[in-house]
Amino acid sequence: MTERAAKIRCDACPVMCFVAEGRLGACDRYANMNGKIIRCDPLTILDQRIKAGDEIKPFLGADWGDDLNDAGDKFVTAIGAGTTYPDYKPAPFIVSQQVDGADMITVVTEAIFSYCGVKVKIDTDRHLGAEAALVRANGEAIGHVMTSEYGSQMLSLGGVDHLTGGSKAEGRVTCDALLKLCNREAVEMSIDGGLSVIVQAGHAPIVDGQIEARMRVGCGSATIGMFASQWRGLVDEVVVVDDHITGVVSEHQAGKVLGWEGSGIKILGRRSTPGRYFQVADPGLGWGGTNIENPLDILGPWNAKKGARAGLRMLMVSTTGEQFGYYVLDADLVPVEHPLPDNLKGSVALIDENCEAALCTVLFMGGAGGSLRSGVTNNPIRLTQSVSAKATQLTCGGAQTYIWPGGGITMMLDVLTLPENSFGHVPTPALVAPLEFTMNRDEFARLGGHTDSIRSAADILDKGGEYGDDSRAIAPENDLPWRAR
């Protein structure tokens, strides 16, 4: 009987899996190969000299040959690098390179984030749900609806309270949803009291099974301001129906400047300023993000003393141009629908043309603090201060990050700016994101950095690291991160 090979323990995260020969750990990132824990994904290197989108030498190492002496255009990312956990040791790669005559140090590590989440911007005219309503995936709460922005619905997903503060199921589902979103995969979510939506970075949202096409050109008032001159002389009244601010051209300042006469129209909503009305209907999937299917429902009786008359022509249109109607008042001052005249079709098409495509944007947000800073320096607060002072640049998978002001290192970035599948997870649950801290050698020494662990880029490309020597090079979409320094 063959003796079963002993399992070995992986210490790359707090789970501390015992991994059998030829098997993966629970994170799918580390495996036992020939009695050694290896990182399953190759170390990713950005190479400025190759064409964007291309990969060269998918598995590198000694194959670099003469290129080892010319590593100035290569940037070692943390994708596939491995982690510092349990954080007392230096980062997996501390890279020295000459860049434009300066001796630069890049500290590379895959960081475990319990304090992280995503902000999702969904460009759509649809009302997805009330502000602060819970967002769910597979029935578990993973976040909430944020304050709407101009033509966009906003979601805040993840965070430590959902990852660790609820049930095991909530944490597991939250982590899975965040991982998929950060790696550009589609996630279906439902909003309490609202709609279902499928979100995928760089794609149009799918709302209640319908693929969205466009976001609004602006609110009803803004649409009036942009296109009032297009309608002058062709129609007597224009109403742009909108969930937030419905516009009426004859009352609006844009109409007044153009010499528009009063029409005697009455809008059933809360009048704000002339030609601008709030709360004309509830939110929904109808005209302009409202719940109405017949736009005449927002009109009250017409007033002949203020300009209403038989034959008065009115255009009603939504903020995307998807819905429109043309009406003429009869002898009883009742609007009767007629086909849209040819001379108005161009203005409706112009609204449509000026709407941007519906799109989902996923922004990863995490607190790069805690013990991971120990992989850079023996004095972690100095690293925080250096990042805040912009003496140290923080990138994520080679992508530029936005650093929030204030305490800690709170970063945010568009997941589409990273190479594909840059994020991982550990089943604690938490996300794993690649981080690179780049500074000059003097700054690294001042921080109390691990100077004994500095290696040249050429040595790293030749010999690899703790988890093996497999690596790949891809072209960055833009200049290498340090070029902006």
Protein backbone atom coordinates (compact mmCIF):
# COMPACT_ATOMS: atom_id res chain seq x y z
CA MET A 1 0.00 0.00 0.00
CA THR A 2 1.44 3.35 -1.08
CA GLU A 3 1.95 5.80 1.75
CA ARG A 4 -0.05 8.98 1.24
CA ALA A 5 2.10 12.10 0.95
CA ALA A 6 1.84 14.41 3.92
CA LYS A 7 -0.04 17.66 3.60
CA ILE A 8 1.91 20.86 4.08
CA ARG A 9 0.69 24.03 5.67
CA CYS A 10 0.35 27.29 3.71
CA ASP A 11 0.96 30.44 5.77
CA ALA A 12 -0.04 32.96 3.09
CA CYS A 13 -3.21 34.00 4.96
CA PRO A 14 -4.86 33.52 8.36
CA VAL A 15 -6.76 30.39 7.23
CA MET A 16 -3.50 28.37 7.26
CA CYS A 17 -4.71 25.59 4.96
CA PHE A 18 -3.17 22.13 5.00
CA VAL A 19 -2.69 21.46 1.29
CA ALA A 20 -2.21 18.00 -0.22
CA GLU A 21 0.22 17.31 -3.06
CA GLY A 22 -1.16 18.60 -6.35
CA ARG A 23 -4.07 20.41 -4.68
CA LEU A 24 -5.04 24.04 -4.25
CA GLY A 25 -5.65 25.86 -1.02
CA ALA A 26 -9.10 27.26 -0.20
CA CYS A 27 -8.23 30.55 -1.92
CA ASP A 28 -7.38 28.91 -5.27
CA ARG A 29 -4.21 31.03 -5.28
CA TYR A 30 -1.65 28.70 -3.70
CA ALA A 31 -0.95 25.02 -4.32
CA ASN A 32 1.27 22.20 -3.12
CA MET A 33 3.61 21.19 -5.92
CA ASN A 34 6.34 18.67 -5.15
CA GLY A 35 6.12 19.39 -1.47
CA LYS A 36 6.45 23.18 -1.86
CA ILE A 37 3.82 25.91 -1.63
CA ILE A 38 3.75 27.82 -4.92
CA ARG A 39 1.79 30.82 -6.16
CA CYS A 40 -0.50 29.59 -8.96
CA ASP A 41 -0.55 32.83 -10.96
CA PRO A 42 2.66 34.09 -12.57
CA LEU A 43 4.24 37.31 -11.40
CA THR A 44 3.02 40.05 -13.77
CA ILE A 45 5.46 42.57 -15.19
CA LEU A 46 4.37 45.62 -17.16
CA ASP A 47 6.59 46.25 -20.16
CA GLN A 48 6.46 49.65 -21.81
CA ARG A 49 8.10 48.48 -24.99
CA ILE A 50 5.46 46.04 -26.16
CA LYS A 51 2.19 46.90 -27.82
CA ALA A 52 -0.76 47.57 -25.52
CA GLY A 53 -2.85 44.46 -25.01
CA ASP A 54 -0.10 42.06 -26.05
CA GLU A 55 1.63 39.51 -23.86
CA ILE A 56 5.16 38.35 -24.48
CA LYS A 57 6.90 35.29 -23.09
CA PRO A 58 3.91 34.16 -21.01
CA PHE A 59 6.20 32.25 -18.67
CA LEU A 60 9.44 34.07 -18.20
CA GLY A 61 12.51 33.57 -16.11
CA ALA A 62 15.91 32.93 -17.64
CA ASP A 63 14.37 33.39 -21.11
CA TRP A 64 14.78 37.15 -20.75
CA GLY A 65 18.35 36.83 -21.99
CA ASP A 66 19.91 40.16 -22.94
CA ASP A 67 16.79 41.99 -21.72
CA LEU A 68 17.98 41.47 -18.15
CA ASN A 69 20.43 44.31 -18.59
CA ASP A 70 17.70 46.69 -19.75
CA ALA A 71 14.96 46.52 -17.13
CA GLY A 72 14.26 50.26 -17.04
CA ASP A 73 11.01 49.92 -18.98
CA LYS A 74 9.70 47.06 -16.86
CA PHE A 75 7.55 47.48 -13.79
CA VAL A 76 7.19 44.54 -11.41
CA THR A 77 3.58 44.50 -10.21
CA ALA A 78 2.23 42.66 -7.20
CA ILE A 79 -0.04 40.45 -9.31
CA GLY A 80 1.13 36.92 -8.57
CA ALA A 81 3.81 38.15 -6.16
CA GLY A 82 2.53 36.60 -2.95
CA THR A 83 1.83 38.20 0.39
CA THR A 84 3.72 39.35 3.47
CA TYR A 85 1.38 37.48 5.83
CA PRO A 86 1.89 37.10 8.78
CA ASP A 87 3.35 40.54 8.10
CA TYR A 88 6.49 40.52 10.20
CA LYS A 89 8.61 39.76 7.12
CA PRO A 90 9.61 42.01 4.20
CA ALA A 91 7.39 42.18 1.13
CA PRO A 92 7.89 39.41 -1.46
CA PHE A 93 9.74 41.74 -3.85
CA ILE A 94 11.65 44.92 -3.06
CA VAL A 95 12.91 46.01 -6.47
CA SER A 96 15.71 48.43 -7.30
CA GLN A 97 15.78 50.05 -10.76
CA GLN A 98 17.47 52.99 -12.41
CA VAL A 99 14.78 55.25 -13.88
CA ASP A 100 15.86 58.42 -15.67
CA GLY A 101 19.04 58.44 -13.59
CA ALA A 102 17.25 57.99 -10.27
CA ASP A 103 17.59 54.91 -8.07
CA MET A 104 13.98 53.91 -7.51
CA ILE A 105 12.64 51.30 -5.10
CA THR A 106 9.32 49.52 -5.66
CA VAL A 107 7.94 47.41 -2.82
CA VAL A 108 5.57 44.74 -4.12
CA THR A 109 3.01 42.75 -2.15
CA GLU A 110 -0.45 41.23 -2.46
CA ALA A 111 -2.43 42.78 0.38
CA ILE A 112 -5.24 41.06 2.28
CA PHE A 113 -8.15 43.49 2.67
CA SER A 114 -10.89 43.01 5.22
CA TYR A 115 -11.53 46.74 5.03
CA CYS A 116 -12.51 47.08 1.41
CA GLY A 117 -15.46 47.35 -0.92
CA VAL A 118 -16.54 48.74 -4.26
CA LYS A 119 -18.44 51.82 -5.33
CA VAL A 120 -20.58 51.10 -8.38
CA LYS A 121 -21.69 53.86 -10.75
CA ILE A 122 -24.54 52.78 -13.01
CA ASP A 123 -25.26 55.19 -15.85
CA THR A 124 -28.96 54.72 -16.51
CA ASP A 125 -32.21 56.67 -16.56
CA ARG A 126 -33.88 53.96 -14.48
CA HIS A 127 -34.60 54.34 -10.80
CA LEU A 128 -33.15 51.22 -9.21
CA GLY A 129 -34.18 51.73 -5.61
CA ALA A 130 -34.55 54.20 -2.78
CA GLU A 131 -31.50 55.77 -1.19
CA ALA A 132 -30.15 53.59 1.66
CA ALA A 133 -32.12 50.53 0.46
CA LEU A 134 -30.25 47.26 0.96
CA VAL A 135 -28.57 45.63 -2.00
CA ARG A 136 -28.60 41.82 -1.97
CA ALA A 137 -26.84 39.01 -3.79
CA ASN A 138 -28.20 35.50 -3.42
CA GLY A 139 -30.51 36.88 -0.74
CA GLU A 140 -27.71 38.22 1.45
CA ALA A 141 -27.20 41.92 2.16
CA ILE A 142 -23.93 43.08 0.57
CA GLY A 143 -24.38 46.88 0.56
CA HIS A 144 -26.80 49.72 -0.02
CA VAL A 145 -27.96 52.34 -2.50
CA MET A 146 -26.06 55.63 -2.27
CA THR A 147 -27.04 59.16 -3.20
CA SER A 148 -27.90 59.40 -6.90
CA GLU A 149 -25.60 61.39 -9.15
CA TYR A 150 -26.34 63.17 -12.43
CA GLY A 151 -27.75 60.46 -14.67
CA SER A 152 -26.28 57.70 -12.53
CA GLN A 153 -27.42 55.40 -9.78
CA MET A 154 -24.77 54.66 -7.15
CA LEU A 155 -24.20 51.58 -4.99
CA SER A 156 -21.84 51.04 -2.08
CA LEU A 157 -21.00 47.36 -1.69
CA GLY A 158 -18.88 45.39 0.73
CA GLY A 159 -16.99 46.83 3.66
CA VAL A 160 -15.88 45.16 6.84
CA ASP A 161 -19.36 45.11 8.39
CA HIS A 162 -20.71 42.93 5.57
CA LEU A 163 -17.54 40.85 5.27
CA THR A 164 -17.12 40.08 8.97
CA GLY A 165 -19.95 41.71 10.90
CA GLY A 166 -22.84 39.49 9.80
CA SER A 167 -23.42 35.80 9.31
CA LYS A 168 -20.91 33.47 7.63
CA ALA A 169 -23.20 33.33 4.62
CA GLU A 170 -23.31 37.13 4.36
CA GLY A 171 -19.54 37.40 4.52
CA ARG A 172 -19.02 34.63 1.98
CA VAL A 173 -21.55 36.03 -0.51
CA THR A 174 -20.19 39.57 -0.08
CA CYS A 175 -16.63 38.45 -0.72
CA ASP A 176 -17.67 36.45 -3.78
CA ALA A 177 -19.59 39.41 -5.24
CA LEU A 178 -16.70 41.83 -4.62
CA LEU A 179 -14.18 39.45 -6.18
CA LYS A 180 -16.27 39.00 -9.31
CA LEU A 181 -16.93 42.72 -9.70
CA CYS A 182 -13.24 43.60 -9.25
CA ASN A 183 -12.26 40.94 -11.78
CA ARG A 184 -14.74 42.37 -14.33
CA GLU A 185 -17.30 39.58 -14.01
CA ALA A 186 -21.07 40.04 -13.95
CA VAL A 187 -22.97 39.98 -10.66
CA GLU A 188 -26.75 39.92 -10.31
CA MET A 189 -28.16 41.92 -7.42
CA SER A 190 -31.58 42.89 -6.12
CA ILE A 191 -32.52 46.06 -4.28
CA ASP A 192 -35.04 45.95 -1.46
CA GLY A 193 -38.21 47.68 -2.63
CA GLY A 194 -36.64 48.24 -6.04
CA LEU A 195 -35.37 46.39 -9.07
CA SER A 196 -32.87 43.70 -9.96
CA VAL A 197 -29.73 44.67 -11.83
CA ILE A 198 -26.81 42.83 -13.37
CA VAL A 199 -23.60 44.82 -13.05
CA GLN A 200 -20.35 44.21 -14.94
CA ALA A 201 -17.54 46.75 -15.19
CA GLY A 202 -17.38 48.29 -18.65
CA HIS A 203 -20.76 46.90 -19.74
CA ALA A 204 -24.29 48.25 -19.87
CA PRO A 205 -26.43 47.38 -16.85
CA ILE A 206 -29.25 44.88 -17.24
CA VAL A 207 -32.24 46.16 -15.26
CA ASP A 208 -35.06 43.70 -14.59
CA GLY A 209 -33.87 41.66 -17.57
CA GLN A 210 -33.64 44.65 -19.94
CA ILE A 211 -30.30 45.84 -21.28
CA GLU A 212 -30.09 49.59 -20.79
CA ALA A 213 -28.99 51.69 -23.75
CA ARG A 214 -28.38 55.21 -22.49
CA MET A 215 -28.21 57.60 -19.58
CA ARG A 216 -30.15 60.87 -19.58
CA VAL A 217 -28.73 63.88 -21.37
CA GLY A 218 -29.56 65.92 -18.28
CA CYS A 219 -32.55 66.67 -16.07
CA GLY A 220 -35.67 68.12 -17.68
CA SER A 221 -34.59 71.65 -16.93
CA ALA A 222 -31.12 71.14 -18.39
CA THR A 223 -32.62 69.58 -21.51
CA ILE A 224 -34.81 72.65 -21.98
CA GLY A 225 -31.76 74.87 -21.61
CA MET A 226 -29.76 72.89 -24.16
CA PHE A 227 -32.38 72.48 -26.86
CA ALA A 228 -34.91 75.35 -26.47
CA SER A 229 -33.58 77.08 -29.56
CA GLN A 230 -34.17 73.90 -31.59
CA TRP A 231 -37.90 74.09 -30.86
CA ARG A 232 -38.52 77.83 -31.23
CA GLY A 233 -41.08 78.45 -33.96
CA LEU A 234 -41.87 74.76 -34.46
CA VAL A 235 -44.02 74.13 -31.41
CA ASP A 236 -45.87 76.21 -28.79
CA GLU A 237 -44.94 74.25 -25.70
CA VAL A 238 -42.34 71.62 -24.72
CA VAL A 239 -42.41 69.52 -21.56
CA VAL A 240 -39.36 67.39 -20.75
CA VAL A 241 -40.51 64.72 -18.29
CA ASP A 242 -37.99 63.77 -15.63
CA ASP A 243 -38.05 61.95 -12.31
CA HIS A 244 -36.09 64.75 -10.66
CA ILE A 245 -36.70 68.09 -12.42
CA THR A 246 -39.33 68.32 -15.15
CA GLY A 247 -38.86 71.27 -17.49
CA VAL A 248 -41.49 73.48 -19.21
CA VAL A 249 -40.07 75.66 -21.96
CA SER A 250 -42.65 78.47 -21.95
CA GLU A 251 -41.97 79.17 -18.24
CA HIS A 252 -38.26 78.36 -18.23
CA GLN A 253 -35.74 81.20 -18.39
CA ALA A 254 -34.35 79.77 -21.63
CA GLY A 255 -37.79 80.11 -23.19
CA LYS A 256 -38.29 83.60 -21.81
CA VAL A 257 -35.00 84.79 -23.30
CA LEU A 258 -36.11 83.39 -26.65
CA GLY A 259 -39.45 85.22 -26.42
CA TRP A 260 -41.67 82.23 -25.72
CA GLU A 261 -45.30 83.09 -24.96
CA GLY A 262 -47.24 81.54 -22.10
CA SER A 263 -49.29 78.44 -22.88
CA GLY A 264 -51.59 78.20 -19.87
CA ILE A 265 -50.20 74.76 -19.03
CA LYS A 266 -50.53 73.32 -15.53
CA ILE A 267 -48.04 70.75 -14.22
CA LEU A 268 -49.14 68.50 -11.37
CA GLY A 269 -45.96 68.74 -9.35
CA ARG A 270 -44.11 70.94 -6.89
CA ARG A 271 -43.02 74.14 -8.62
CA SER A 272 -39.46 75.08 -7.82
CA THR A 273 -38.44 78.02 -9.99
CA PRO A 274 -40.09 79.10 -13.25
CA GLY A 275 -40.23 76.17 -15.65
CA ARG A 276 -38.80 73.66 -13.16
CA TYR A 277 -40.99 71.16 -11.30
CA PHE A 278 -40.17 68.52 -8.70
CA GLN A 279 -42.13 65.36 -7.82
CA VAL A 280 -44.34 65.15 -10.89
CA ALA A 281 -44.54 61.35 -10.40
CA ASP A 282 -42.97 58.52 -8.48
CA PRO A 283 -39.76 56.87 -9.69
CA GLY A 284 -40.13 53.95 -12.06
CA LEU A 285 -39.40 52.45 -15.47
CA GLY A 286 -41.57 54.87 -17.44
CA TRP A 287 -41.02 58.30 -18.96
CA GLY A 288 -37.84 60.03 -17.73
CA GLY A 289 -37.31 57.54 -14.91
CA THR A 290 -40.83 58.06 -13.56
CA ASN A 291 -43.58 55.48 -13.15
CA ILE A 292 -45.91 57.04 -15.75
CA GLU A 293 -46.69 55.50 -19.12
CA ASN A 294 -48.97 58.32 -20.30
CA PRO A 295 -47.23 61.71 -19.99
CA LEU A 296 -50.58 63.52 -19.98
CA ASP A 297 -51.03 62.19 -16.43
CA ILE A 298 -48.76 64.95 -15.12
CA LEU A 299 -50.94 67.73 -16.61
CA GLY A 300 -53.82 69.53 -14.98
CA PRO A 301 -56.50 71.63 -16.72
CA TRP A 302 -55.27 74.23 -19.21
CA ASN A 303 -55.90 77.92 -18.47
CA ALA A 304 -57.21 79.99 -21.39
CA LYS A 305 -56.53 83.22 -19.47
CA LYS A 306 -52.81 82.37 -19.48
CA GLY A 307 -52.50 81.47 -23.14
CA ALA A 308 -54.18 78.11 -23.68
CA ARG A 309 -56.10 77.97 -26.98
CA ALA A 310 -57.40 75.51 -29.51
CA GLY A 311 -54.66 74.43 -31.91
CA LEU A 312 -51.82 74.95 -29.43
CA ARG A 313 -49.02 72.49 -30.29
CA MET A 314 -47.13 70.65 -27.54
CA LEU A 315 -44.14 68.29 -27.58
CA MET A 316 -43.59 66.02 -24.59
CA VAL A 317 -40.31 64.13 -24.47
CA SER A 318 -38.22 62.17 -21.95
CA THR A 319 -34.68 63.02 -20.92
CA THR A 320 -33.27 60.28 -23.15
CA GLY A 321 -35.48 60.92 -26.18
CA GLU A 322 -36.73 57.34 -25.94
CA GLN A 323 -40.30 58.48 -25.30
CA PHE A 324 -41.97 61.37 -27.03
CA GLY A 325 -45.44 62.53 -28.00
CA TYR A 326 -46.92 65.39 -30.02
CA TYR A 327 -50.28 66.87 -29.01
CA VAL A 328 -52.65 69.59 -30.24
CA LEU A 329 -55.29 71.18 -27.99
CA ASP A 330 -58.85 70.73 -29.27
CA ALA A 331 -61.74 73.18 -28.83
CA ASP A 332 -62.18 72.01 -25.21
CA LEU A 333 -58.48 72.59 -24.49
CA VAL A 334 -57.88 68.85 -24.26
CA PRO A 335 -54.57 67.63 -25.74
CA VAL A 336 -55.06 65.15 -28.60
CA GLU A 337 -52.12 63.07 -29.80
CA HIS A 338 -50.94 63.40 -33.40
CA PRO A 339 -47.99 61.94 -35.30
CA LEU A 340 -44.72 63.71 -34.64
CA PRO A 341 -44.12 66.27 -37.42
CA ASP A 342 -41.01 65.78 -39.50
CA ASN A 343 -39.64 69.15 -38.44
CA LEU A 344 -39.53 68.00 -34.79
CA LYS A 345 -37.96 64.61 -35.38
CA GLY A 346 -34.47 66.08 -35.61
CA SER A 347 -34.72 67.71 -32.17
CA VAL A 348 -35.87 64.46 -30.55
CA ALA A 349 -33.06 62.60 -32.29
CA LEU A 350 -30.62 65.24 -31.01
CA ILE A 351 -31.60 64.47 -27.42
CA ASP A 352 -30.98 60.79 -28.09
CA GLU A 353 -27.67 61.58 -29.80
CA ASN A 354 -26.45 63.57 -26.82
CA CYS A 355 -27.14 60.81 -24.32
CA GLU A 356 -24.11 58.80 -23.34
CA ALA A 357 -24.19 55.02 -23.37
CA ALA A 358 -25.42 53.24 -20.28
CA LEU A 359 -22.40 51.85 -18.48
CA CYS A 360 -21.33 50.25 -15.21
CA THR A 361 -18.18 51.54 -13.50
CA VAL A 362 -16.67 49.59 -10.60
CA LEU A 363 -14.26 51.39 -8.28
CA PHE A 364 -12.30 49.30 -5.80
CA MET A 365 -11.80 51.04 -2.47
CA GLY A 366 -9.63 49.76 0.34
CA GLY A 367 -7.73 50.79 3.43
CA ALA A 368 -4.07 49.93 2.80
CA GLY A 369 -3.08 50.23 6.40
CA GLY A 370 -2.83 47.69 9.17
CA SER A 371 0.11 45.36 9.30
CA LEU A 372 0.80 45.12 5.55
CA ARG A 373 2.89 48.29 5.91
CA SER A 374 5.38 46.22 7.91
CA GLY A 375 6.38 44.58 4.65
CA VAL A 376 7.73 47.96 3.57
CA THR A 377 9.18 49.49 6.71
CA ASN A 378 9.87 48.87 10.38
CA ASN A 379 8.09 52.16 11.14
CA PRO A 380 4.66 51.90 9.45
CA ILE A 381 3.45 55.42 10.25
CA ARG A 382 6.28 56.85 8.15
CA LEU A 383 4.96 55.03 5.10
CA THR A 384 1.49 56.50 5.66
CA GLN A 385 2.96 59.97 5.96
CA SER A 386 5.15 59.48 2.87
CA VAL A 387 2.16 58.42 0.75
CA SER A 388 0.18 61.39 2.02
CA ALA A 389 3.08 63.73 1.14
CA LYS A 390 3.32 62.11 -2.32
CA ALA A 391 6.94 61.15 -1.70
CA THR A 392 5.79 57.53 -2.15
CA GLN A 393 3.46 56.59 -4.98
CA LEU A 394 0.94 53.80 -4.42
CA THR A 395 -0.22 51.79 -7.42
CA CYS A 396 -2.45 48.73 -7.64
CA GLY A 397 -1.42 46.21 -10.25
CA GLY A 398 0.44 49.06 -11.93
CA ALA A 399 -2.67 51.23 -12.08
CA GLN A 400 -2.84 54.75 -10.68
CA THR A 401 -4.82 55.14 -7.46
CA TYR A 402 -6.63 58.06 -5.87
CA ILE A 403 -5.57 58.50 -2.24
CA TRP A 404 -8.22 59.98 0.03
CA PRO A 405 -7.07 62.83 2.28
CA GLY A 406 -6.98 62.31 6.01
CA GLY A 407 -5.65 59.51 8.15
CA GLY A 408 -4.53 56.14 6.88
CA ILE A 409 -3.96 55.05 3.30
CA THR A 410 -7.45 54.87 1.80
CA MET A 411 -7.22 54.30 -1.93
CA MET A 412 -9.68 54.04 -4.80
CA LEU A 413 -9.28 53.02 -8.44
CA ASP A 414 -11.18 51.91 -11.52
CA VAL A 415 -10.88 48.13 -11.86
CA LEU A 416 -10.73 48.46 -15.66
CA THR A 417 -7.28 50.07 -15.35
CA LEU A 418 -5.75 46.86 -13.98
CA PRO A 419 -4.82 43.73 -15.92
CA GLU A 420 -7.57 41.11 -15.95
CA ASN A 421 -8.01 38.85 -12.90
CA SER A 422 -5.80 41.01 -10.72
CA PHE A 423 -7.78 40.35 -7.53
CA GLY A 424 -7.96 37.26 -5.38
CA HIS A 425 -9.54 36.28 -2.08
CA VAL A 426 -8.97 34.42 1.13
CA PRO A 427 -11.84 32.66 2.88
CA THR A 428 -11.53 34.64 6.11
CA PRO A 429 -13.35 36.30 4.11
CA ALA A 430 -11.33 39.10 2.53
CA LEU A 431 -10.14 40.31 -0.86
CA VAL A 432 -6.53 40.22 -2.00
CA ALA A 433 -5.34 43.17 -4.09
CA PRO A 434 -1.91 43.87 -5.60
CA LEU A 435 -0.07 46.88 -4.18
CA GLU A 436 3.16 48.58 -5.20
CA PHE A 437 4.84 51.36 -3.22
CA THR A 438 7.39 53.27 -5.33
CA MET A 439 9.88 55.83 -3.98
CA ASN A 440 13.53 56.78 -4.37
CA ARG A 441 16.19 54.91 -2.40
CA ASP A 442 16.84 57.77 0.01
CA GLU A 443 13.15 57.95 0.91
CA PHE A 444 13.04 54.19 1.39
CA ALA A 445 15.95 54.38 3.82
CA ARG A 446 14.37 57.31 5.66
CA LEU A 447 11.20 55.29 6.17
CA GLY A 448 13.14 52.53 7.85
CA GLY A 449 12.65 50.29 4.83
CA HIS A 450 13.94 46.73 4.58
CA THR A 451 17.12 47.70 2.73
CA ASP A 452 18.70 44.25 3.22
CA SER A 453 15.95 42.77 1.02
CA ILE A 454 16.46 45.03 -2.00
CA ARG A 455 17.05 43.13 -5.24
CA SER A 456 17.68 44.36 -8.75
CA ALA A 457 14.96 44.04 -11.37
CA ALA A 458 17.29 41.90 -13.45
CA ASP A 459 17.79 39.47 -10.57
CA ILE A 460 14.04 39.18 -10.03
CA LEU A 461 13.38 38.57 -13.71
CA ASP A 462 16.06 35.89 -13.72
CA LYS A 463 15.43 34.06 -10.45
CA GLY A 464 11.85 34.84 -9.41
CA GLY A 465 10.87 34.81 -5.76
CA GLU A 466 9.75 32.74 -2.83
CA TYR A 467 6.92 31.09 -4.75
CA GLY A 468 8.80 30.25 -7.93
CA ASP A 469 10.12 31.91 -11.06
CA ASP A 470 7.11 31.92 -13.38
CA SER A 471 6.25 35.40 -14.63
CA ARG A 472 4.61 37.11 -17.56
CA ALA A 473 4.95 40.48 -19.23
CA ILE A 474 2.05 42.53 -20.55
CA ALA A 475 1.85 45.99 -22.03
CA PRO A 476 0.31 48.70 -19.84
CA GLU A 477 -2.50 50.70 -21.40
CA ASN A 478 -0.74 53.92 -20.42
CA ASP A 479 2.75 54.92 -19.35
CA LEU A 480 4.36 53.04 -16.53
CA PRO A 481 3.27 54.33 -13.12
CA TRP A 482 6.50 56.06 -12.24
CA ARG A 483 6.52 58.12 -15.46
CA ALA A 484 4.07 60.57 -13.84
CA ARG A 485 6.50 61.34 -11.03
